[in-house]
Amino acid sequence: MEFRTATPADAVAVQRVAREAWHAVHAPIIGVDAVEDMLTEWYDRDDLETAIRDDDATMILAVEEEVIGFAEGGPSEDGPADAVVGRLYVHPDRWRAGIGTELLSRLFADLRARNYDSVWLAVMAENDVAHGFYEKHGFEIYQQRTIEHVGHEIEDRILVREL
């Protein structure tokens, strides 16, 4: 398995992994229509390519013949820590193989090298799998909230940890 930094040419592969993972994880919680709305909003190809080009952020890919996972993070503008994990997803066929852990570890190393001290992320409150994963990696609940995403009301939790 190879881990490497994403390039704009990887946007379609990232979209594919995101679609599979979002449907597997989030559709049982918020429904297929809400998942599709959020994928359309947050994984637009042009926007993804722009995010990948952003020098302030990093997107790391896990690749085995094709992209099977990704993690993205960078500076936080409005959260309870100075950095944020914006995205971390692994294709459902590869869950529980340590890929998410390795992606998170590599992202943390990058954020520490950029002199960040702490990191936060948001997770749907009912996403027990993600909560277990992030708790195992030292995150603690900072806040629970109800927010609106793309016209859908979502219960989520803000998780925080030191780097």
N, C-alpha and C. Protein backbone atom coordinates (compact mmCIF):
# COMPACT_ATOMS: atom_id res chain seq x y z
N MET A 1 0.85 -1.18 0.00
CA MET A 1 0.00 0.00 0.00
C MET A 1 0.89 1.23 0.00
N GLU A 2 0.48 2.20 -0.77
CA GLU A 2 1.20 3.47 -0.87
C GLU A 2 0.38 4.56 -0.21
N PHE A 3 1.06 5.45 0.48
CA PHE A 3 0.44 6.65 1.03
C PHE A 3 1.13 7.83 0.36
N ARG A 4 0.33 8.73 -0.20
CA ARG A 4 0.92 9.87 -0.89
C ARG A 4 0.00 11.08 -0.81
N THR A 5 0.54 12.22 -1.13
CA THR A 5 -0.23 13.46 -1.16
C THR A 5 -1.10 13.48 -2.42
N ALA A 6 -2.33 13.92 -2.28
CA ALA A 6 -3.26 13.99 -3.41
C ALA A 6 -2.84 15.08 -4.39
N THR A 7 -3.21 14.86 -5.65
CA THR A 7 -3.09 15.89 -6.69
C THR A 7 -4.50 16.14 -7.23
N PRO A 8 -4.70 17.25 -7.92
CA PRO A 8 -6.04 17.52 -8.48
C PRO A 8 -6.57 16.38 -9.35
N ALA A 9 -5.69 15.63 -9.99
CA ALA A 9 -6.12 14.51 -10.83
C ALA A 9 -6.77 13.39 -10.01
N ASP A 10 -6.60 13.40 -8.69
CA ASP A 10 -7.18 12.38 -7.81
C ASP A 10 -8.61 12.69 -7.39
N ALA A 11 -9.14 13.84 -7.78
CA ALA A 11 -10.46 14.28 -7.30
C ALA A 11 -11.56 13.25 -7.57
N VAL A 12 -11.58 12.67 -8.74
CA VAL A 12 -12.63 11.69 -9.08
C VAL A 12 -12.51 10.45 -8.19
N ALA A 13 -11.30 10.01 -7.93
CA ALA A 13 -11.11 8.84 -7.07
C ALA A 13 -11.54 9.15 -5.64
N VAL A 14 -11.27 10.36 -5.18
CA VAL A 14 -11.70 10.77 -3.84
C VAL A 14 -13.23 10.80 -3.80
N GLN A 15 -13.85 11.33 -4.84
CA GLN A 15 -15.32 11.34 -4.91
C GLN A 15 -15.89 9.93 -4.80
N ARG A 16 -15.27 8.98 -5.48
CA ARG A 16 -15.74 7.59 -5.47
C ARG A 16 -15.69 7.00 -4.07
N VAL A 17 -14.57 7.18 -3.39
CA VAL A 17 -14.43 6.66 -2.02
C VAL A 17 -15.42 7.35 -1.10
N ALA A 18 -15.54 8.67 -1.23
CA ALA A 18 -16.47 9.43 -0.39
C ALA A 18 -17.90 8.92 -0.57
N ARG A 19 -18.30 8.71 -1.81
CA ARG A 19 -19.67 8.25 -2.09
C ARG A 19 -19.93 6.90 -1.41
N GLU A 20 -19.02 5.97 -1.56
CA GLU A 20 -19.21 4.64 -0.95
C GLU A 20 -19.24 4.73 0.57
N ALA A 21 -18.30 5.47 1.13
CA ALA A 21 -18.22 5.57 2.59
C ALA A 21 -19.40 6.33 3.17
N TRP A 22 -19.77 7.45 2.54
CA TRP A 22 -20.90 8.24 3.05
C TRP A 22 -22.19 7.42 3.04
N HIS A 23 -22.43 6.69 1.97
CA HIS A 23 -23.66 5.87 1.92
C HIS A 23 -23.63 4.77 2.97
N ALA A 24 -22.48 4.14 3.16
CA ALA A 24 -22.38 3.06 4.14
C ALA A 24 -22.56 3.58 5.57
N VAL A 25 -21.98 4.73 5.88
CA VAL A 25 -21.99 5.24 7.25
C VAL A 25 -23.18 6.14 7.54
N HIS A 26 -23.43 7.10 6.67
CA HIS A 26 -24.38 8.16 6.98
C HIS A 26 -25.81 7.91 6.51
N ALA A 27 -26.00 7.15 5.45
CA ALA A 27 -27.37 6.92 4.96
C ALA A 27 -28.27 6.29 6.02
N PRO A 28 -27.78 5.32 6.82
CA PRO A 28 -28.66 4.78 7.86
C PRO A 28 -29.03 5.81 8.94
N ILE A 29 -28.24 6.85 9.07
CA ILE A 29 -28.48 7.88 10.09
C ILE A 29 -29.37 9.00 9.57
N ILE A 30 -29.05 9.51 8.37
CA ILE A 30 -29.76 10.70 7.86
C ILE A 30 -30.54 10.44 6.58
N GLY A 31 -30.40 9.28 5.99
CA GLY A 31 -31.12 8.95 4.77
C GLY A 31 -30.33 9.20 3.50
N VAL A 32 -30.69 8.49 2.45
CA VAL A 32 -30.00 8.54 1.17
C VAL A 32 -30.07 9.94 0.55
N ASP A 33 -31.24 10.58 0.59
CA ASP A 33 -31.38 11.91 -0.02
C ASP A 33 -30.47 12.93 0.63
N ALA A 34 -30.38 12.91 1.95
CA ALA A 34 -29.51 13.86 2.66
C ALA A 34 -28.04 13.58 2.32
N VAL A 35 -27.68 12.32 2.24
CA VAL A 35 -26.30 11.96 1.86
C VAL A 35 -25.99 12.50 0.47
N GLU A 36 -26.90 12.29 -0.48
CA GLU A 36 -26.67 12.79 -1.84
C GLU A 36 -26.52 14.31 -1.86
N ASP A 37 -27.36 15.00 -1.09
CA ASP A 37 -27.27 16.47 -1.03
C ASP A 37 -25.91 16.90 -0.49
N MET A 38 -25.45 16.24 0.54
CA MET A 38 -24.17 16.61 1.14
C MET A 38 -22.99 16.25 0.25
N LEU A 39 -23.05 15.11 -0.42
CA LEU A 39 -22.00 14.75 -1.36
C LEU A 39 -21.91 15.78 -2.49
N THR A 40 -23.06 16.20 -2.98
CA THR A 40 -23.09 17.21 -4.04
C THR A 40 -22.45 18.51 -3.56
N GLU A 41 -22.74 18.89 -2.33
CA GLU A 41 -22.22 20.14 -1.77
C GLU A 41 -20.73 20.06 -1.44
N TRP A 42 -20.30 19.00 -0.79
CA TRP A 42 -18.94 18.94 -0.25
C TRP A 42 -17.94 18.20 -1.12
N TYR A 43 -18.40 17.52 -2.15
CA TYR A 43 -17.49 16.76 -2.99
C TYR A 43 -17.62 17.12 -4.47
N ASP A 44 -18.00 18.35 -4.73
CA ASP A 44 -18.00 18.87 -6.10
C ASP A 44 -16.57 18.76 -6.65
N ARG A 45 -16.44 18.29 -7.85
CA ARG A 45 -15.11 18.02 -8.41
C ARG A 45 -14.24 19.28 -8.45
N ASP A 46 -14.77 20.38 -8.94
CA ASP A 46 -13.97 21.61 -9.01
C ASP A 46 -13.54 22.08 -7.62
N ASP A 47 -14.48 22.01 -6.66
CA ASP A 47 -14.16 22.41 -5.29
C ASP A 47 -13.11 21.48 -4.66
N LEU A 48 -13.21 20.20 -4.97
CA LEU A 48 -12.25 19.23 -4.46
C LEU A 48 -10.86 19.51 -5.03
N GLU A 49 -10.80 19.78 -6.32
CA GLU A 49 -9.51 20.10 -6.94
C GLU A 49 -8.90 21.35 -6.32
N THR A 50 -9.73 22.35 -6.04
CA THR A 50 -9.26 23.57 -5.40
C THR A 50 -8.74 23.27 -4.00
N ALA A 51 -9.47 22.46 -3.24
CA ALA A 51 -9.04 22.08 -1.88
C ALA A 51 -7.72 21.33 -1.92
N ILE A 52 -7.54 20.46 -2.89
CA ILE A 52 -6.31 19.69 -3.01
C ILE A 52 -5.13 20.61 -3.33
N ARG A 53 -5.37 21.65 -4.11
CA ARG A 53 -4.31 22.61 -4.47
C ARG A 53 -3.93 23.54 -3.32
N ASP A 54 -4.76 23.65 -2.31
CA ASP A 54 -4.55 24.58 -1.20
C ASP A 54 -3.27 24.23 -0.44
N ASP A 55 -2.30 25.13 -0.47
CA ASP A 55 -1.02 24.88 0.19
C ASP A 55 -1.11 24.85 1.71
N ASP A 56 -2.17 25.44 2.27
CA ASP A 56 -2.32 25.46 3.72
C ASP A 56 -2.88 24.15 4.27
N ALA A 57 -3.48 23.36 3.41
CA ALA A 57 -4.09 22.09 3.83
C ALA A 57 -3.35 20.93 3.17
N THR A 58 -3.60 19.73 3.68
CA THR A 58 -2.98 18.53 3.14
C THR A 58 -4.05 17.47 2.97
N MET A 59 -4.02 16.77 1.83
CA MET A 59 -4.85 15.59 1.64
C MET A 59 -3.91 14.43 1.34
N ILE A 60 -4.01 13.41 2.18
CA ILE A 60 -3.18 12.23 2.04
C ILE A 60 -4.07 11.08 1.56
N LEU A 61 -3.56 10.32 0.60
CA LEU A 61 -4.30 9.20 0.03
C LEU A 61 -3.68 7.87 0.43
N ALA A 62 -4.52 6.87 0.58
CA ALA A 62 -4.09 5.48 0.69
C ALA A 62 -4.41 4.85 -0.66
N VAL A 63 -3.43 4.23 -1.28
CA VAL A 63 -3.59 3.71 -2.64
C VAL A 63 -3.13 2.25 -2.70
N GLU A 64 -4.00 1.41 -3.24
CA GLU A 64 -3.68 0.02 -3.58
C GLU A 64 -4.26 -0.21 -4.96
N GLU A 65 -3.48 0.04 -5.97
CA GLU A 65 -3.94 0.03 -7.35
C GLU A 65 -4.87 1.20 -7.64
N GLU A 66 -5.76 1.52 -6.71
CA GLU A 66 -6.63 2.70 -6.80
C GLU A 66 -6.75 3.31 -5.41
N VAL A 67 -7.27 4.52 -5.35
CA VAL A 67 -7.44 5.20 -4.07
C VAL A 67 -8.48 4.43 -3.25
N ILE A 68 -8.12 4.11 -1.99
CA ILE A 68 -9.04 3.40 -1.11
C ILE A 68 -9.34 4.17 0.17
N GLY A 69 -8.67 5.32 0.34
CA GLY A 69 -8.93 6.14 1.52
C GLY A 69 -8.26 7.48 1.40
N PHE A 70 -8.72 8.43 2.21
CA PHE A 70 -8.11 9.76 2.20
C PHE A 70 -8.36 10.46 3.52
N ALA A 71 -7.45 11.36 3.84
CA ALA A 71 -7.58 12.22 5.02
C ALA A 71 -7.13 13.61 4.62
N GLU A 72 -7.88 14.61 5.08
CA GLU A 72 -7.56 16.00 4.75
C GLU A 72 -7.61 16.82 6.03
N GLY A 73 -6.66 17.72 6.18
CA GLY A 73 -6.66 18.62 7.33
C GLY A 73 -5.84 19.85 7.06
N GLY A 74 -6.02 20.83 7.93
CA GLY A 74 -5.29 22.08 7.80
C GLY A 74 -5.68 23.05 8.88
N PRO A 75 -5.43 24.32 8.65
CA PRO A 75 -5.72 25.32 9.68
C PRO A 75 -7.22 25.45 9.96
N SER A 76 -7.53 25.71 11.21
CA SER A 76 -8.92 25.92 11.61
C SER A 76 -9.19 27.41 11.72
N GLU A 77 -10.26 27.83 11.11
CA GLU A 77 -10.63 29.24 11.17
C GLU A 77 -11.64 29.51 12.27
N ASP A 78 -12.39 28.50 12.68
CA ASP A 78 -13.48 28.79 13.61
C ASP A 78 -13.76 27.68 14.61
N GLY A 79 -12.83 26.79 14.83
CA GLY A 79 -13.08 25.69 15.75
C GLY A 79 -12.35 25.85 17.07
N PRO A 80 -12.48 24.87 17.94
CA PRO A 80 -11.89 24.93 19.28
C PRO A 80 -10.41 24.52 19.32
N ALA A 81 -9.78 24.33 18.17
CA ALA A 81 -8.37 23.97 18.09
C ALA A 81 -7.76 24.73 16.91
N ASP A 82 -6.43 24.72 16.80
CA ASP A 82 -5.82 25.50 15.72
C ASP A 82 -5.76 24.76 14.39
N ALA A 83 -6.08 23.46 14.37
CA ALA A 83 -6.15 22.69 13.12
C ALA A 83 -7.43 21.87 13.11
N VAL A 84 -7.82 21.44 11.91
CA VAL A 84 -9.05 20.67 11.76
C VAL A 84 -8.80 19.48 10.83
N VAL A 85 -9.40 18.35 11.17
CA VAL A 85 -9.48 17.21 10.25
C VAL A 85 -10.79 17.41 9.50
N GLY A 86 -10.71 17.79 8.26
CA GLY A 86 -11.90 18.09 7.48
C GLY A 86 -12.55 16.85 6.88
N ARG A 87 -11.74 15.84 6.56
CA ARG A 87 -12.26 14.63 5.92
C ARG A 87 -11.35 13.46 6.26
N LEU A 88 -11.96 12.34 6.55
CA LEU A 88 -11.23 11.08 6.73
C LEU A 88 -12.19 9.96 6.41
N TYR A 89 -11.96 9.31 5.27
CA TYR A 89 -12.82 8.21 4.85
C TYR A 89 -12.01 7.11 4.20
N VAL A 90 -12.44 5.89 4.44
CA VAL A 90 -11.85 4.70 3.83
C VAL A 90 -12.98 3.94 3.15
N HIS A 91 -12.71 3.37 1.99
CA HIS A 91 -13.72 2.58 1.29
C HIS A 91 -14.22 1.48 2.22
N PRO A 92 -15.53 1.28 2.30
CA PRO A 92 -16.09 0.28 3.23
C PRO A 92 -15.52 -1.13 3.06
N ASP A 93 -15.10 -1.50 1.86
CA ASP A 93 -14.51 -2.82 1.66
C ASP A 93 -13.18 -2.99 2.37
N ARG A 94 -12.60 -1.87 2.83
CA ARG A 94 -11.28 -1.90 3.47
C ARG A 94 -11.31 -1.45 4.94
N TRP A 95 -12.51 -1.33 5.51
CA TRP A 95 -12.61 -0.97 6.92
C TRP A 95 -11.95 -2.02 7.78
N ARG A 96 -11.48 -1.59 8.92
CA ARG A 96 -10.87 -2.43 9.95
C ARG A 96 -9.55 -3.07 9.50
N ALA A 97 -8.89 -2.42 8.55
CA ALA A 97 -7.59 -2.91 8.08
C ALA A 97 -6.45 -1.99 8.52
N GLY A 98 -6.75 -1.00 9.37
CA GLY A 98 -5.72 -0.08 9.86
C GLY A 98 -5.42 1.10 8.94
N ILE A 99 -6.16 1.20 7.86
CA ILE A 99 -5.90 2.27 6.88
C ILE A 99 -6.26 3.63 7.45
N GLY A 100 -7.41 3.73 8.12
CA GLY A 100 -7.80 5.00 8.72
C GLY A 100 -6.80 5.44 9.78
N THR A 101 -6.32 4.51 10.57
CA THR A 101 -5.32 4.82 11.60
C THR A 101 -4.04 5.36 10.96
N GLU A 102 -3.59 4.72 9.89
CA GLU A 102 -2.38 5.17 9.22
C GLU A 102 -2.58 6.55 8.57
N LEU A 103 -3.73 6.76 7.95
CA LEU A 103 -4.01 8.07 7.36
C LEU A 103 -4.02 9.15 8.44
N LEU A 104 -4.67 8.88 9.56
CA LEU A 104 -4.74 9.85 10.65
C LEU A 104 -3.34 10.13 11.21
N SER A 105 -2.54 9.10 11.38
CA SER A 105 -1.18 9.26 11.89
C SER A 105 -0.35 10.14 10.96
N ARG A 106 -0.45 9.90 9.67
CA ARG A 106 0.31 10.69 8.70
C ARG A 106 -0.20 12.14 8.66
N LEU A 107 -1.50 12.32 8.77
CA LEU A 107 -2.05 13.68 8.79
C LEU A 107 -1.58 14.41 10.05
N PHE A 108 -1.61 13.74 11.20
CA PHE A 108 -1.13 14.35 12.44
C PHE A 108 0.34 14.76 12.31
N ALA A 109 1.16 13.92 11.72
CA ALA A 109 2.59 14.24 11.53
C ALA A 109 2.73 15.51 10.68
N ASP A 110 1.93 15.60 9.63
CA ASP A 110 1.97 16.79 8.77
C ASP A 110 1.54 18.04 9.55
N LEU A 111 0.47 17.91 10.33
CA LEU A 111 -0.01 19.07 11.09
C LEU A 111 1.01 19.49 12.16
N ARG A 112 1.64 18.53 12.82
CA ARG A 112 2.69 18.87 13.80
C ARG A 112 3.86 19.57 13.12
N ALA A 113 4.23 19.09 11.93
CA ALA A 113 5.34 19.72 11.19
C ALA A 113 5.00 21.16 10.80
N ARG A 114 3.72 21.46 10.71
CA ARG A 114 3.28 22.83 10.40
C ARG A 114 3.04 23.64 11.68
N ASN A 115 3.46 23.08 12.81
CA ASN A 115 3.42 23.75 14.12
C ASN A 115 2.02 23.94 14.69
N TYR A 116 1.10 23.04 14.38
CA TYR A 116 -0.20 23.06 15.03
C TYR A 116 -0.10 22.29 16.35
N ASP A 117 -0.88 22.72 17.33
CA ASP A 117 -0.84 22.12 18.66
C ASP A 117 -2.01 21.20 18.95
N SER A 118 -3.15 21.45 18.32
CA SER A 118 -4.35 20.68 18.61
C SER A 118 -5.21 20.60 17.36
N VAL A 119 -6.15 19.65 17.37
CA VAL A 119 -6.98 19.41 16.20
C VAL A 119 -8.40 19.08 16.64
N TRP A 120 -9.37 19.47 15.80
CA TRP A 120 -10.77 19.16 16.07
C TRP A 120 -11.40 18.59 14.81
N LEU A 121 -12.55 17.98 14.99
CA LEU A 121 -13.35 17.49 13.86
C LEU A 121 -14.79 17.36 14.32
N ALA A 122 -15.69 17.22 13.37
CA ALA A 122 -17.11 17.03 13.65
C ALA A 122 -17.53 15.64 13.18
N VAL A 123 -18.35 14.98 14.01
CA VAL A 123 -18.85 13.63 13.71
C VAL A 123 -20.34 13.60 14.04
N MET A 124 -21.12 12.98 13.17
CA MET A 124 -22.54 12.83 13.48
C MET A 124 -22.70 12.11 14.81
N ALA A 125 -23.59 12.60 15.63
CA ALA A 125 -23.77 12.07 16.99
C ALA A 125 -24.09 10.58 17.00
N GLU A 126 -24.80 10.09 15.99
CA GLU A 126 -25.20 8.68 15.94
C GLU A 126 -24.20 7.78 15.22
N ASN A 127 -23.06 8.33 14.82
CA ASN A 127 -22.06 7.55 14.10
C ASN A 127 -21.15 6.86 15.13
N ASP A 128 -21.64 5.76 15.67
CA ASP A 128 -20.93 5.04 16.73
C ASP A 128 -19.58 4.50 16.27
N VAL A 129 -19.48 4.08 15.02
CA VAL A 129 -18.21 3.56 14.50
C VAL A 129 -17.15 4.64 14.54
N ALA A 130 -17.48 5.82 14.04
CA ALA A 130 -16.50 6.92 14.04
C ALA A 130 -16.15 7.35 15.46
N HIS A 131 -17.14 7.41 16.33
CA HIS A 131 -16.85 7.80 17.72
C HIS A 131 -15.87 6.84 18.37
N GLY A 132 -16.06 5.54 18.16
CA GLY A 132 -15.14 4.56 18.71
C GLY A 132 -13.74 4.72 18.14
N PHE A 133 -13.66 4.96 16.84
CA PHE A 133 -12.36 5.16 16.17
C PHE A 133 -11.64 6.37 16.74
N TYR A 134 -12.34 7.49 16.81
CA TYR A 134 -11.69 8.72 17.26
C TYR A 134 -11.37 8.68 18.76
N GLU A 135 -12.20 8.04 19.55
CA GLU A 135 -11.90 7.90 20.98
C GLU A 135 -10.62 7.09 21.16
N LYS A 136 -10.49 6.03 20.37
CA LYS A 136 -9.29 5.18 20.41
C LYS A 136 -8.04 6.00 20.06
N HIS A 137 -8.22 7.06 19.29
CA HIS A 137 -7.10 7.89 18.87
C HIS A 137 -6.98 9.19 19.67
N GLY A 138 -7.56 9.19 20.86
CA GLY A 138 -7.32 10.28 21.80
C GLY A 138 -8.24 11.48 21.73
N PHE A 139 -9.27 11.43 20.90
CA PHE A 139 -10.21 12.54 20.82
C PHE A 139 -11.20 12.49 21.98
N GLU A 140 -11.60 13.65 22.43
CA GLU A 140 -12.62 13.77 23.47
C GLU A 140 -13.73 14.69 22.99
N ILE A 141 -14.94 14.45 23.48
CA ILE A 141 -16.08 15.28 23.10
C ILE A 141 -15.91 16.67 23.70
N TYR A 142 -15.98 17.65 22.85
CA TYR A 142 -15.89 19.05 23.26
C TYR A 142 -17.29 19.67 23.35
N GLN A 143 -18.16 19.29 22.39
CA GLN A 143 -19.48 19.91 22.31
C GLN A 143 -20.41 19.03 21.48
N GLN A 144 -21.68 19.02 21.83
CA GLN A 144 -22.71 18.42 20.99
C GLN A 144 -23.62 19.55 20.53
N ARG A 145 -24.06 19.47 19.28
CA ARG A 145 -24.86 20.56 18.74
C ARG A 145 -25.81 20.05 17.67
N THR A 146 -26.78 20.88 17.37
CA THR A 146 -27.66 20.64 16.23
C THR A 146 -27.35 21.72 15.21
N ILE A 147 -27.02 21.30 14.00
CA ILE A 147 -26.69 22.26 12.95
C ILE A 147 -27.47 21.90 11.68
N GLU A 148 -27.47 22.82 10.75
CA GLU A 148 -28.11 22.58 9.47
C GLU A 148 -27.05 22.48 8.39
N HIS A 149 -27.09 21.38 7.64
CA HIS A 149 -26.19 21.18 6.50
C HIS A 149 -27.05 20.97 5.27
N VAL A 150 -26.89 21.81 4.29
CA VAL A 150 -27.56 21.66 3.01
C VAL A 150 -29.05 21.38 3.20
N GLY A 151 -29.67 22.13 4.10
CA GLY A 151 -31.10 21.99 4.32
C GLY A 151 -31.52 20.84 5.21
N HIS A 152 -30.57 20.14 5.81
CA HIS A 152 -30.88 19.00 6.68
C HIS A 152 -30.36 19.28 8.09
N GLU A 153 -31.21 19.05 9.07
CA GLU A 153 -30.81 19.23 10.47
C GLU A 153 -30.04 17.99 10.93
N ILE A 154 -28.86 18.24 11.49
CA ILE A 154 -27.96 17.15 11.89
C ILE A 154 -27.54 17.35 13.35
N GLU A 155 -27.56 16.27 14.10
CA GLU A 155 -26.97 16.27 15.44
C GLU A 155 -25.53 15.81 15.27
N ASP A 156 -24.59 16.64 15.72
CA ASP A 156 -23.21 16.20 15.65
C ASP A 156 -22.45 16.55 16.92
N ARG A 157 -21.24 16.05 16.97
CA ARG A 157 -20.36 16.30 18.11
C ARG A 157 -19.04 16.84 17.58
N ILE A 158 -18.51 17.79 18.31
CA ILE A 158 -17.18 18.31 18.04
C ILE A 158 -16.22 17.53 18.95
N LEU A 159 -15.20 16.95 18.37
CA LEU A 159 -14.19 16.20 19.10
C LEU A 159 -12.85 16.94 18.99
N VAL A 160 -12.07 16.89 20.05
CA VAL A 160 -10.81 17.63 20.11
C VAL A 160 -9.73 16.75 20.71
N ARG A 161 -8.49 16.99 20.28
CA ARG A 161 -7.33 16.35 20.92
C ARG A 161 -6.09 17.18 20.67
N GLU A 162 -5.10 17.00 21.53
CA GLU A 162 -3.80 17.64 21.34
C GLU A 162 -3.02 16.84 20.31
N LEU A 163 -2.14 17.53 19.60
CA LEU A 163 -1.27 16.84 18.64
C LEU A 163 0.02 16.44 19.32
